[in-house]
Structure formats: C-alpha cells, structure tokens
Protein backbone atom coordinates (compact mmCIF):
# COMPACT_ATOMS: atom_id res chain seq x y z
CA UNK A 1 -15.76 -21.92 -111.74
CA UNK A 2 -17.57 -21.23 -115.00
CA UNK A 3 -18.28 -24.19 -117.27
CA UNK A 4 -17.33 -23.83 -120.95
CA UNK A 5 -20.20 -23.86 -123.44
CA UNK A 6 -18.62 -26.52 -125.70
CA UNK A 7 -18.09 -29.10 -122.97
CA UNK A 8 -20.88 -31.38 -121.86
CA UNK A 9 -24.32 -31.41 -123.46
CA UNK A 10 -24.66 -30.59 -127.16
CA UNK A 11 -25.76 -27.01 -127.36
CA UNK A 12 -26.89 -25.26 -130.57
CA UNK A 13 -23.65 -23.27 -130.71
CA UNK A 14 -21.56 -26.45 -130.45
CA UNK A 15 -23.56 -28.07 -133.25
CA UNK A 16 -23.11 -24.98 -135.40
CA UNK A 17 -19.36 -24.91 -134.75
CA UNK A 18 -18.99 -28.60 -135.65
CA UNK A 19 -21.05 -28.07 -138.81
CA UNK A 20 -18.86 -25.17 -139.91
CA UNK A 21 -15.70 -27.18 -139.18
CA UNK A 22 -17.00 -30.15 -141.19
CA UNK A 23 -17.95 -27.88 -144.10
CA UNK A 24 -14.51 -26.23 -144.09
CA UNK A 25 -12.79 -29.64 -144.08
CA UNK A 26 -14.96 -30.83 -146.96
CA UNK A 27 -14.14 -27.71 -148.99
CA UNK A 28 -10.41 -28.17 -148.43
CA UNK A 29 -10.55 -31.81 -149.51
CA UNK A 30 -12.88 -31.27 -152.49
CA UNK A 31 -11.08 -28.18 -153.86
CA UNK A 32 -8.58 -29.92 -156.18
CA UNK A 33 -11.19 -32.40 -157.40
CA UNK A 34 -13.59 -29.61 -158.31
CA UNK A 35 -10.87 -27.76 -160.22
CA UNK A 36 -10.09 -30.87 -162.26
CA UNK A 37 -13.77 -31.35 -163.11
CA UNK A 38 -14.12 -27.77 -164.30
CA UNK A 39 -11.07 -28.15 -166.51
CA UNK A 40 -12.76 -31.02 -168.36
CA UNK A 41 -15.96 -29.01 -168.74
CA UNK A 42 -14.03 -26.00 -170.07
CA UNK A 43 -12.26 -28.21 -172.62
CA UNK A 44 -15.60 -29.62 -173.79
CA UNK A 45 -17.10 -26.15 -174.15
CA UNK A 46 -14.04 -24.98 -176.10
CA UNK A 47 -14.51 -27.91 -178.52
CA UNK A 48 -18.16 -26.97 -179.03
CA UNK A 49 -17.21 -23.34 -179.62
CA UNK A 50 -14.65 -24.28 -182.27
CA UNK A 51 -17.32 -26.24 -184.16
CA UNK A 52 -19.77 -23.34 -183.81
CA UNK A 53 -17.19 -20.95 -185.27
CA UNK A 54 -16.93 -23.05 -188.42
CA UNK A 55 -20.71 -23.37 -188.73
CA UNK A 56 -21.30 -19.66 -188.13
CA UNK A 57 -19.00 -18.65 -190.99
CA UNK A 58 -20.93 -20.85 -193.41
CA UNK A 59 -24.32 -19.60 -192.13
CA UNK A 60 -23.33 -15.95 -192.57
CA UNK A 61 -22.01 -16.70 -196.07
CA UNK A 62 -25.27 -18.41 -197.03
CA UNK A 63 -27.32 -15.51 -195.62
CA UNK A 64 -25.35 -12.97 -197.66
CA UNK A 65 -25.67 -15.11 -200.80
CA UNK A 66 -29.45 -15.46 -200.37
CA UNK A 67 -29.86 -11.73 -199.72
CA UNK A 68 -27.73 -10.86 -202.74
CA UNK A 69 -29.66 -13.29 -204.94
CA UNK A 70 -33.00 -11.81 -203.87
CA UNK A 71 -31.81 -8.26 -204.51
CA UNK A 72 -30.21 -9.06 -207.87
CA UNK A 73 -32.67 -11.46 -209.44
CA UNK A 74 -35.93 -11.19 -207.50
CA UNK A 75 -35.76 -7.36 -207.39
CA UNK A 76 -36.24 -7.34 -203.63
CA UNK A 77 -35.71 -4.12 -201.76
CA UNK A 78 -33.08 -3.87 -199.06
CA UNK A 79 -35.79 -3.72 -196.39
CA UNK A 80 -37.02 -7.14 -197.61
CA UNK A 81 -33.66 -8.82 -197.01
CA UNK A 82 -32.79 -7.13 -193.70
CA UNK A 83 -34.32 -10.01 -191.64
CA UNK A 84 -32.17 -12.53 -193.53
CA UNK A 85 -29.01 -10.50 -192.98
CA UNK A 86 -29.91 -9.80 -189.34
CA UNK A 87 -30.49 -13.49 -188.64
CA UNK A 88 -27.20 -14.39 -190.30
CA UNK A 89 -25.33 -11.82 -188.24
CA UNK A 90 -26.93 -13.03 -184.99
CA UNK A 91 -26.10 -16.65 -185.78
CA UNK A 92 -22.55 -15.67 -186.72
CA UNK A 93 -22.07 -13.68 -183.53
CA UNK A 94 -23.43 -16.41 -181.23
CA UNK A 95 -20.15 -18.33 -180.78
CA UNK A 96 -18.22 -15.14 -180.04
CA UNK A 97 -20.86 -14.05 -177.54
CA UNK A 98 -20.67 -17.47 -175.87
CA UNK A 99 -16.87 -17.26 -175.69
CA UNK A 100 -17.17 -13.79 -174.10
CA UNK A 101 -19.63 -15.05 -171.50
CA UNK A 102 -17.55 -18.12 -170.64
CA UNK A 103 -14.28 -16.21 -170.22
C-alpha cells in the first residue's frame, strides 16, 4: 500500500500546503478590517483634496493678476509672463490630477 505524502514526516510539499492554507485563512479574516482602514484613508485624502481645491483657485487667480499687472504696467511681453501663468495652471490642476489618480 502506498503511503500518502502528507502523512508522517514533514515534507516540503506539506509545509508549502500548510503555509498556503494559513495565508488564505489570514486573508479571509483580515479582509473586512483592511477595507475599513482604506475607507478612513480615502476620507482623509478627500478632505485634503477639498482644501487643495480652494487653495488652487486662489493661486491661479493670483497668477493671472500678477501676469496682467506685469503686462499692463511693467510693459512685459507675453513670453515674459508665460512661466507665471504656466506655474499657476499646474498648481491649479494638481488637485484634479490627484483626484483622477486616486479614483
């Protein structure tokens, strides 16, 4: 009669099977707890994004005001104020880009 591989001495295949079973049991038990933790993290990130939305609107407004002032009163060319406008647009778009990457 042939002896089964999982009975008797601990073979590498038995150890591997027990490890996989323990990992599966841990994943089943930890699943709901991990989902609850991610919900709290998502809520925190949403709060940060709402603050960033408010800040980004004011930054873009200030960038446009500074660029307009330079063009109107300092006789700056458009090419001189492009970095200011570009930086304002990038800062303004950052919260929306973050929201896109999170969702």
